[in-house]
């Protein structure tokens, strides 16, 4: 499966051919063949969600390299409205 992801230590090791023990607890993908898979996608996503980004996978969009700051959702929405020339009242 193709996807864009932030290059973490975990992803770098996978790209170099590392394999991790897989105990398929989630059955989240029909195409997952548990023990023959190089890693468990669900576990990698959960690691990142828990803050262990070095041992997880973080997906990102094609414009991720353009991000220069971390912002709030209302600020991003307001900036999009400003760019589009429409009005937006922040909550």
PDB file of N, CA and C in Angstrom:
ATOM      1  N   UNK A   1       0.847  -1.184   0.000  1.00  0.00           N
ATOM      2  CA  UNK A   1       0.000   0.000   0.000  1.00  0.00           C
ATOM      3  C   UNK A   1       0.886   1.238   0.000  1.00  0.00           C
ATOM      4  N   UNK A   2       0.551   2.167  -0.840  1.00  0.00           N
ATOM      5  CA  UNK A   2       1.301   3.414  -0.914  1.00  0.00           C
ATOM      6  C   UNK A   2       0.717   4.442   0.042  1.00  0.00           C
ATOM      7  N   UNK A   3       1.595   5.170   0.675  1.00  0.00           N
ATOM      8  CA  UNK A   3       1.169   6.242   1.574  1.00  0.00           C
ATOM      9  C   UNK A   3       2.348   7.162   1.820  1.00  0.00           C
ATOM     10  N   UNK A   4       2.052   8.370   2.251  1.00  0.00           N
ATOM     11  CA  UNK A   4       3.108   9.307   2.646  1.00  0.00           C
ATOM     12  C   UNK A   4       3.224   9.254   4.157  1.00  0.00           C
ATOM     13  N   UNK A   5       4.447   9.129   4.630  1.00  0.00           N
ATOM     14  CA  UNK A   5       4.668   9.063   6.072  1.00  0.00           C
ATOM     15  C   UNK A   5       5.916   9.849   6.428  1.00  0.00           C
ATOM     16  N   UNK A   6       5.924  10.347   7.655  1.00  0.00           N
ATOM     17  CA  UNK A   6       7.091  11.043   8.188  1.00  0.00           C
ATOM     18  C   UNK A   6       8.173   9.995   8.428  1.00  0.00           C
ATOM     19  N   UNK A   7       9.414  10.301   8.045  1.00  0.00           N
ATOM     20  CA  UNK A   7      10.503   9.338   8.214  1.00  0.00           C
ATOM     21  C   UNK A   7      10.929   9.299   9.677  1.00  0.00           C
ATOM     22  N   UNK A   8      10.439   8.295  10.382  1.00  0.00           N
ATOM     23  CA  UNK A   8      10.806   8.069  11.777  1.00  0.00           C
ATOM     24  C   UNK A   8      11.895   6.990  11.823  1.00  0.00           C
ATOM     25  N   UNK A   9      12.475   6.770  12.998  1.00  0.00           N
ATOM     26  CA  UNK A   9      13.463   5.701  13.148  1.00  0.00           C
ATOM     27  C   UNK A   9      12.852   4.354  12.762  1.00  0.00           C
ATOM     28  N   UNK A  10      11.604   4.135  13.170  1.00  0.00           N
ATOM     29  CA  UNK A  10      10.914   2.885  12.863  1.00  0.00           C
ATOM     30  C   UNK A  10      10.770   2.710  11.354  1.00  0.00           C
ATOM     31  N   UNK A  11      10.302   3.729  10.676  1.00  0.00           N
ATOM     32  CA  UNK A  11      10.111   3.642   9.230  1.00  0.00           C
ATOM     33  C   UNK A  11      11.444   3.437   8.514  1.00  0.00           C
ATOM     34  N   UNK A  12      12.472   4.110   8.965  1.00  0.00           N
ATOM     35  CA  UNK A  12      13.796   3.928   8.369  1.00  0.00           C
ATOM     36  C   UNK A  12      14.246   2.482   8.500  1.00  0.00           C
ATOM     37  N   UNK A  13      14.023   1.867   9.664  1.00  0.00           N
ATOM     38  CA  UNK A  13      14.426   0.473   9.847  1.00  0.00           C
ATOM     39  C   UNK A  13      13.617  -0.467   8.946  1.00  0.00           C
ATOM     40  N   UNK A  14      12.350  -0.184   8.773  1.00  0.00           N
ATOM     41  CA  UNK A  14      11.504  -1.000   7.891  1.00  0.00           C
ATOM     42  C   UNK A  14      12.013  -0.897   6.451  1.00  0.00           C
ATOM     43  N   UNK A  15      12.339   0.324   6.035  1.00  0.00           N
ATOM     44  CA  UNK A  15      12.832   0.526   4.674  1.00  0.00           C
ATOM     45  C   UNK A  15      14.162  -0.186   4.438  1.00  0.00           C
ATOM     46  N   UNK A  16      14.917  -0.398   5.510  1.00  0.00           N
ATOM     47  CA  UNK A  16      16.194  -1.117   5.404  1.00  0.00           C
ATOM     48  C   UNK A  16      16.006  -2.635   5.509  1.00  0.00           C
ATOM     49  N   UNK A  17      14.756  -3.083   5.677  1.00  0.00           N
ATOM     50  CA  UNK A  17      14.474  -4.516   5.697  1.00  0.00           C
ATOM     51  C   UNK A  17      14.236  -5.131   7.059  1.00  0.00           C
ATOM     52  N   UNK A  18      14.163  -4.312   8.108  1.00  0.00           N
ATOM     53  CA  UNK A  18      13.913  -4.857   9.450  1.00  0.00           C
ATOM     54  C   UNK A  18      12.541  -5.524   9.506  1.00  0.00           C
ATOM     55  N   UNK A  19      12.450  -6.512  10.359  1.00  0.00           N
ATOM     56  CA  UNK A  19      11.182  -7.203  10.575  1.00  0.00           C
ATOM     57  C   UNK A  19      10.906  -7.208  12.077  1.00  0.00           C
ATOM     58  N   UNK A  20       9.652  -7.080  12.444  1.00  0.00           N
ATOM     59  CA  UNK A  20       9.247  -7.061  13.842  1.00  0.00           C
ATOM     60  C   UNK A  20       8.237  -8.182  14.076  1.00  0.00           C
ATOM     61  N   UNK A  21       8.247  -8.711  15.277  1.00  0.00           N
ATOM     62  CA  UNK A  21       7.289  -9.772  15.607  1.00  0.00           C
ATOM     63  C   UNK A  21       5.871  -9.229  15.468  1.00  0.00           C
ATOM     64  N   UNK A  22       5.034  -9.993  14.796  1.00  0.00           N
ATOM     65  CA  UNK A  22       3.645  -9.572  14.591  1.00  0.00           C
ATOM     66  C   UNK A  22       2.721 -10.586  15.249  1.00  0.00           C
ATOM     67  N   UNK A  23       1.953 -10.107  16.195  1.00  0.00           N
ATOM     68  CA  UNK A  23       0.887 -10.904  16.802  1.00  0.00           C
ATOM     69  C   UNK A  23      -0.409 -10.201  16.425  1.00  0.00           C
ATOM     70  N   UNK A  24      -1.010 -10.619  15.357  1.00  0.00           N
ATOM     71  CA  UNK A  24      -2.165  -9.912  14.792  1.00  0.00           C
ATOM     72  C   UNK A  24      -3.357  -9.971  15.748  1.00  0.00           C
ATOM     73  N   UNK A  25      -3.512  -8.916  16.535  1.00  0.00           N
ATOM     74  CA  UNK A  25      -4.615  -8.830  17.489  1.00  0.00           C
ATOM     75  C   UNK A  25      -5.804  -8.069  16.927  1.00  0.00           C
ATOM     76  N   UNK A  26      -5.570  -7.291  15.886  1.00  0.00           N
ATOM     77  CA  UNK A  26      -6.583  -6.344  15.443  1.00  0.00           C
ATOM     78  C   UNK A  26      -7.347  -6.773  14.200  1.00  0.00           C
ATOM     79  N   UNK A  27      -6.692  -7.525  13.320  1.00  0.00           N
ATOM     80  CA  UNK A  27      -7.309  -7.933  12.053  1.00  0.00           C
ATOM     81  C   UNK A  27      -7.884  -6.717  11.327  1.00  0.00           C
ATOM     82  N   UNK A  28      -7.086  -5.652  11.270  1.00  0.00           N
ATOM     83  CA  UNK A  28      -7.569  -4.381  10.726  1.00  0.00           C
ATOM     84  C   UNK A  28      -7.525  -4.306   9.201  1.00  0.00           C
ATOM     85  N   UNK A  29      -6.665  -5.115   8.574  1.00  0.00           N
ATOM     86  CA  UNK A  29      -6.562  -5.102   7.119  1.00  0.00           C
ATOM     87  C   UNK A  29      -6.833  -6.495   6.564  1.00  0.00           C
ATOM     88  N   UNK A  30      -7.681  -6.572   5.569  1.00  0.00           N
ATOM     89  CA  UNK A  30      -7.979  -7.869   4.956  1.00  0.00           C
ATOM     90  C   UNK A  30      -6.722  -8.490   4.359  1.00  0.00           C
ATOM     91  N   UNK A  31      -5.816  -7.652   3.878  1.00  0.00           N
ATOM     92  CA  UNK A  31      -4.613  -8.148   3.209  1.00  0.00           C
ATOM     93  C   UNK A  31      -3.489  -8.501   4.179  1.00  0.00           C
ATOM     94  N   UNK A  32      -3.667  -8.262   5.460  1.00  0.00           N
ATOM     95  CA  UNK A  32      -2.612  -8.542   6.440  1.00  0.00           C
ATOM     96  C   UNK A  32      -2.480 -10.048   6.649  1.00  0.00           C
ATOM     97  N   UNK A  33      -1.261 -10.524   6.541  1.00  0.00           N
ATOM     98  CA  UNK A  33      -0.981 -11.937   6.764  1.00  0.00           C
ATOM     99  C   UNK A  33      -0.118 -12.069   8.015  1.00  0.00           C
ATOM    100  N   UNK A  34      -0.580 -11.467   9.097  1.00  0.00           N
ATOM    101  CA  UNK A  34       0.048 -11.508  10.412  1.00  0.00           C
ATOM    102  C   UNK A  34       1.513 -11.894  10.473  1.00  0.00           C
ATOM    103  N   UNK A  35       1.820 -13.159  10.756  1.00  0.00           N
ATOM    104  CA  UNK A  35       3.202 -13.574  10.980  1.00  0.00           C
ATOM    105  C   UNK A  35       4.165 -13.328   9.821  1.00  0.00           C
ATOM    106  N   UNK A  36       3.669 -13.246   8.596  1.00  0.00           N
ATOM    107  CA  UNK A  36       4.587 -13.009   7.474  1.00  0.00           C
ATOM    108  C   UNK A  36       4.789 -11.514   7.185  1.00  0.00           C
ATOM    109  N   UNK A  37       4.042 -10.658   7.867  1.00  0.00           N
ATOM    110  CA  UNK A  37       4.180  -9.213   7.673  1.00  0.00           C
ATOM    111  C   UNK A  37       5.430  -8.713   8.394  1.00  0.00           C
ATOM    112  N   UNK A  38       6.089  -7.676   7.862  1.00  0.00           N
ATOM    113  CA  UNK A  38       7.303  -7.166   8.516  1.00  0.00           C
ATOM    114  C   UNK A  38       7.021  -6.411   9.815  1.00  0.00           C
ATOM    115  N   UNK A  39       5.801  -5.923   9.988  1.00  0.00           N
ATOM    116  CA  UNK A  39       5.423  -5.199  11.202  1.00  0.00           C
ATOM    117  C   UNK A  39       3.905  -5.132  11.266  1.00  0.00           C
ATOM    118  N   UNK A  40       3.378  -4.770  12.422  1.00  0.00           N
ATOM    119  CA  UNK A  40       1.932  -4.598  12.586  1.00  0.00           C
ATOM    120  C   UNK A  40       1.604  -3.119  12.416  1.00  0.00           C
ATOM    121  N   UNK A  41       0.844  -2.797  11.393  1.00  0.00           N
ATOM    122  CA  UNK A  41       0.478  -1.408  11.128  1.00  0.00           C
ATOM    123  C   UNK A  41      -0.293  -0.807  12.300  1.00  0.00           C
ATOM    124  N   UNK A  42      -1.230  -1.555  12.860  1.00  0.00           N
ATOM    125  CA  UNK A  42      -2.021  -1.041  13.986  1.00  0.00           C
ATOM    126  C   UNK A  42      -1.119  -0.689  15.167  1.00  0.00           C
ATOM    127  N   UNK A  43      -0.173  -1.569  15.483  1.00  0.00           N
ATOM    128  CA  UNK A  43       0.738  -1.300  16.601  1.00  0.00           C
ATOM    129  C   UNK A  43       1.609  -0.073  16.315  1.00  0.00           C
ATOM    130  N   UNK A  44       2.071   0.066  15.068  1.00  0.00           N
ATOM    131  CA  UNK A  44       2.908   1.214  14.707  1.00  0.00           C
ATOM    132  C   UNK A  44       2.108   2.517  14.814  1.00  0.00           C
ATOM    133  N   UNK A  45       0.856   2.492  14.394  1.00  0.00           N
ATOM    134  CA  UNK A  45       0.009   3.685  14.504  1.00  0.00           C
ATOM    135  C   UNK A  45      -0.296   4.002  15.962  1.00  0.00           C
ATOM    136  N   UNK A  46      -0.563   2.983  16.758  1.00  0.00           N
ATOM    137  CA  UNK A  46      -0.841   3.198  18.180  1.00  0.00           C
ATOM    138  C   UNK A  46       0.379   3.737  18.909  1.00  0.00           C
ATOM    139  N   UNK A  47       1.566   3.261  18.547  1.00  0.00           N
ATOM    140  CA  UNK A  47       2.788   3.780  19.174  1.00  0.00           C
ATOM    141  C   UNK A  47       2.904   5.282  18.931  1.00  0.00           C
ATOM    142  N   UNK A  48       2.688   5.699  17.694  1.00  0.00           N
ATOM    143  CA  UNK A  48       2.767   7.125  17.366  1.00  0.00           C
ATOM    144  C   UNK A  48       1.687   7.911  18.101  1.00  0.00           C
ATOM    145  N   UNK A  49       0.483   7.356  18.157  1.00  0.00           N
ATOM    146  CA  UNK A  49      -0.622   8.037  18.829  1.00  0.00           C
ATOM    147  C   UNK A  49      -0.330   8.216  20.311  1.00  0.00           C
ATOM    148  N   UNK A  50       0.388   7.275  20.900  1.00  0.00           N
ATOM    149  CA  UNK A  50       0.735   7.342  22.326  1.00  0.00           C
ATOM    150  C   UNK A  50       1.933   8.257  22.574  1.00  0.00           C
ATOM    151  N   UNK A  51       2.507   8.797  21.507  1.00  0.00           N
ATOM    152  CA  UNK A  51       3.632   9.709  21.655  1.00  0.00           C
ATOM    153  C   UNK A  51       4.982   9.085  21.379  1.00  0.00           C
ATOM    154  N   UNK A  52       5.014   7.787  21.106  1.00  0.00           N
ATOM    155  CA  UNK A  52       6.269   7.095  20.805  1.00  0.00           C
ATOM    156  C   UNK A  52       6.498   7.144  19.290  1.00  0.00           C
ATOM    157  N   UNK A  53       6.744   8.343  18.788  1.00  0.00           N
ATOM    158  CA  UNK A  53       6.866   8.563  17.350  1.00  0.00           C
ATOM    159  C   UNK A  53       8.072   7.838  16.766  1.00  0.00           C
ATOM    160  N   UNK A  54       9.142   7.712  17.533  1.00  0.00           N
ATOM    161  CA  UNK A  54      10.344   7.036  17.032  1.00  0.00           C
ATOM    162  C   UNK A  54      10.064   5.580  16.679  1.00  0.00           C
ATOM    163  N   UNK A  55       9.082   4.969  17.338  1.00  0.00           N
ATOM    164  CA  UNK A  55       8.743   3.567  17.094  1.00  0.00           C
ATOM    165  C   UNK A  55       7.378   3.408  16.441  1.00  0.00           C
ATOM    166  N   UNK A  56       6.937   4.450  15.765  1.00  0.00           N
ATOM    167  CA  UNK A  56       5.629   4.398  15.147  1.00  0.00           C
ATOM    168  C   UNK A  56       5.637   4.926  13.728  1.00  0.00           C
ATOM    169  N   UNK A  57       4.462   4.936  13.141  1.00  0.00           N
ATOM    170  CA  UNK A  57       4.274   5.486  11.795  1.00  0.00           C
ATOM    171  C   UNK A  57       3.325   6.671  11.901  1.00  0.00           C
ATOM    172  N   UNK A  58       3.723   7.772  11.281  1.00  0.00           N
ATOM    173  CA  UNK A  58       2.914   8.989  11.251  1.00  0.00           C
ATOM    174  C   UNK A  58       2.664   9.319   9.789  1.00  0.00           C
ATOM    175  N   UNK A  59       1.415   9.188   9.351  1.00  0.00           N
ATOM    176  CA  UNK A  59       1.079   9.519   7.976  1.00  0.00           C
ATOM    177  C   UNK A  59       0.939  11.019   7.812  1.00  0.00           C
ATOM    178  N   UNK A  60       1.238  11.510   6.631  1.00  0.00           N
ATOM    179  CA  UNK A  60       1.167  12.944   6.363  1.00  0.00           C
ATOM    180  C   UNK A  60       0.733  13.165   4.919  1.00  0.00           C
ATOM    181  N   UNK A  61       0.180  14.313   4.650  1.00  0.00           N
ATOM    182  CA  UNK A  61      -0.221  14.659   3.298  1.00  0.00           C
ATOM    183  C   UNK A  61       0.962  15.135   2.469  1.00  0.00           C
ATOM    184  N   UNK A  62       0.711  15.344   1.205  1.00  0.00           N
ATOM    185  CA  UNK A  62       1.750  15.757   0.276  1.00  0.00           C
ATOM    186  C   UNK A  62       2.349  17.117   0.570  1.00  0.00           C
ATOM    187  N   UNK A  63       1.645  17.941   1.310  1.00  0.00           N
ATOM    188  CA  UNK A  63       2.144  19.282   1.615  1.00  0.00           C
ATOM    189  C   UNK A  63       2.816  19.360   2.986  1.00  0.00           C
ATOM    190  N   UNK A  64       3.007  18.230   3.643  1.00  0.00           N
ATOM    191  CA  UNK A  64       3.613  18.208   4.983  1.00  0.00           C
ATOM    192  C   UNK A  64       4.949  18.944   5.051  1.00  0.00           C
ATOM    193  N   UNK A  65       5.819  18.841   4.032  1.00  0.00           N
ATOM    194  CA  UNK A  65       7.096  19.556   4.128  1.00  0.00           C
ATOM    195  C   UNK A  65       6.958  21.076   4.196  1.00  0.00           C
ATOM    196  N   UNK A  66       5.787  21.592   3.818  1.00  0.00           N
ATOM    197  CA  UNK A  66       5.567  23.038   3.850  1.00  0.00           C
ATOM    198  C   UNK A  66       5.235  23.551   5.251  1.00  0.00           C
ATOM    199  N   UNK A  67       4.912  22.656   6.160  1.00  0.00           N
ATOM    200  CA  UNK A  67       4.495  23.068   7.506  1.00  0.00           C
ATOM    201  C   UNK A  67       5.689  23.662   8.243  1.00  0.00           C
ATOM    202  N   UNK A  68       5.498  24.865   8.741  1.00  0.00           N
ATOM    203  CA  UNK A  68       6.552  25.565   9.463  1.00  0.00           C
ATOM    204  C   UNK A  68       6.233  25.749  10.942  1.00  0.00           C
ATOM    205  N   UNK A  69       4.944  25.674  11.300  1.00  0.00           N
ATOM    206  CA  UNK A  69       4.536  25.861  12.690  1.00  0.00           C
ATOM    207  C   UNK A  69       3.421  24.883  13.044  1.00  0.00           C
ATOM    208  N   UNK A  70       3.224  24.669  14.340  1.00  0.00           N
ATOM    209  CA  UNK A  70       2.096  23.889  14.821  1.00  0.00           C
ATOM    210  C   UNK A  70       1.050  24.887  15.278  1.00  0.00           C
ATOM    211  N   UNK A  71      -0.170  24.718  14.798  1.00  0.00           N
ATOM    212  CA  UNK A  71      -1.222  25.679  15.057  1.00  0.00           C
ATOM    213  C   UNK A  71      -2.465  24.976  15.605  1.00  0.00           C
ATOM    214  N   UNK A  72      -3.489  25.760  15.897  1.00  0.00           N
ATOM    215  CA  UNK A  72      -4.763  25.203  16.336  1.00  0.00           C
ATOM    216  C   UNK A  72      -5.694  25.080  15.136  1.00  0.00           C
ATOM    217  N   UNK A  73      -6.704  24.239  15.252  1.00  0.00           N
ATOM    218  CA  UNK A  73      -7.667  24.085  14.165  1.00  0.00           C
ATOM    219  C   UNK A  73      -8.373  25.415  13.862  1.00  0.00           C
ATOM    220  N   UNK A  74      -8.866  26.155  14.873  1.00  0.00           N
ATOM    221  CA  UNK A  74      -9.520  27.431  14.543  1.00  0.00           C
ATOM    222  C   UNK A  74      -8.595  28.406  13.812  1.00  0.00           C
ATOM    223  N   UNK A  75      -7.313  28.437  14.181  1.00  0.00           N
ATOM    224  CA  UNK A  75      -6.381  29.342  13.507  1.00  0.00           C
ATOM    225  C   UNK A  75      -6.153  28.923  12.055  1.00  0.00           C
ATOM    226  N   UNK A  76      -6.062  27.616  11.808  1.00  0.00           N
ATOM    227  CA  UNK A  76      -5.889  27.130  10.438  1.00  0.00           C
ATOM    228  C   UNK A  76      -7.124  27.453   9.604  1.00  0.00           C
ATOM    229  N   UNK A  77      -8.312  27.218  10.150  1.00  0.00           N
ATOM    230  CA  UNK A  77      -9.561  27.506   9.431  1.00  0.00           C
ATOM    231  C   UNK A  77      -9.664  28.997   9.136  1.00  0.00           C
ATOM    232  N   UNK A  78      -9.315  29.830  10.117  1.00  0.00           N
ATOM    233  CA  UNK A  78      -9.351  31.285   9.907  1.00  0.00           C
ATOM    234  C   UNK A  78      -8.380  31.681   8.798  1.00  0.00           C
ATOM    235  N   UNK A  79      -7.202  31.099   8.772  1.00  0.00           N
ATOM    236  CA  UNK A  79      -6.214  31.415   7.728  1.00  0.00           C
ATOM    237  C   UNK A  79      -6.717  30.979   6.360  1.00  0.00           C
ATOM    238  N   UNK A  80      -7.369  29.831   6.285  1.00  0.00           N
ATOM    239  CA  UNK A  80      -7.934  29.371   5.013  1.00  0.00           C
ATOM    240  C   UNK A  80      -9.017  30.308   4.519  1.00  0.00           C
ATOM    241  N   UNK A  81      -9.876  30.757   5.437  1.00  0.00           N
ATOM    242  CA  UNK A  81     -10.921  31.715   5.068  1.00  0.00           C
ATOM    243  C   UNK A  81     -10.308  33.038   4.603  1.00  0.00           C
ATOM    244  N   UNK A  82      -9.285  33.490   5.313  1.00  0.00           N
ATOM    245  CA  UNK A  82      -8.613  34.739   4.929  1.00  0.00           C
ATOM    246  C   UNK A  82      -8.026  34.610   3.525  1.00  0.00           C
ATOM    247  N   UNK A  83      -7.367  33.485   3.261  1.00  0.00           N
ATOM    248  CA  UNK A  83      -6.779  33.250   1.947  1.00  0.00           C
ATOM    249  C   UNK A  83      -7.857  33.209   0.852  1.00  0.00           C
ATOM    250  N   UNK A  84      -9.023  32.668   1.188  1.00  0.00           N
ATOM    251  CA  UNK A  84     -10.118  32.571   0.224  1.00  0.00           C
ATOM    252  C   UNK A  84     -10.921  33.863   0.117  1.00  0.00           C
ATOM    253  N   UNK A  85     -10.670  34.811   1.024  1.00  0.00           N
ATOM    254  CA  UNK A  85     -11.396  36.074   0.991  1.00  0.00           C
ATOM    255  C   UNK A  85     -12.805  35.984   1.571  1.00  0.00           C
ATOM    256  N   UNK A  86     -13.032  34.997   2.432  1.00  0.00           N
ATOM    257  CA  UNK A  86     -14.327  34.862   3.073  1.00  0.00           C
ATOM    258  C   UNK A  86     -14.185  35.177   4.554  1.00  0.00           C
ATOM    259  N   UNK A  87     -15.317  35.429   5.204  1.00  0.00           N
ATOM    260  CA  UNK A  87     -15.249  35.780   6.627  1.00  0.00           C
ATOM    261  C   UNK A  87     -15.418  34.530   7.496  1.00  0.00           C
ATOM    262  N   UNK A  88     -14.825  34.611   8.674  1.00  0.00           N
ATOM    263  CA  UNK A  88     -14.908  33.511   9.633  1.00  0.00           C
ATOM    264  C   UNK A  88     -14.742  34.082  11.020  1.00  0.00           C
ATOM    265  N   UNK A  89     -15.696  33.780  11.881  1.00  0.00           N
ATOM    266  CA  UNK A  89     -15.606  34.211  13.277  1.00  0.00           C
ATOM    267  C   UNK A  89     -15.066  33.056  14.103  1.00  0.00           C
ATOM    268  N   UNK A  90     -13.921  33.267  14.748  1.00  0.00           N
ATOM    269  CA  UNK A  90     -13.331  32.209  15.558  1.00  0.00           C
ATOM    270  C   UNK A  90     -14.220  31.945  16.760  1.00  0.00           C
ATOM    271  N   UNK A  91     -14.318  30.684  17.150  1.00  0.00           N
ATOM    272  CA  UNK A  91     -15.190  30.327  18.298  1.00  0.00           C
ATOM    273  C   UNK A  91     -14.634  30.859  19.614  1.00  0.00           C
TER     274      UNK A  91
END
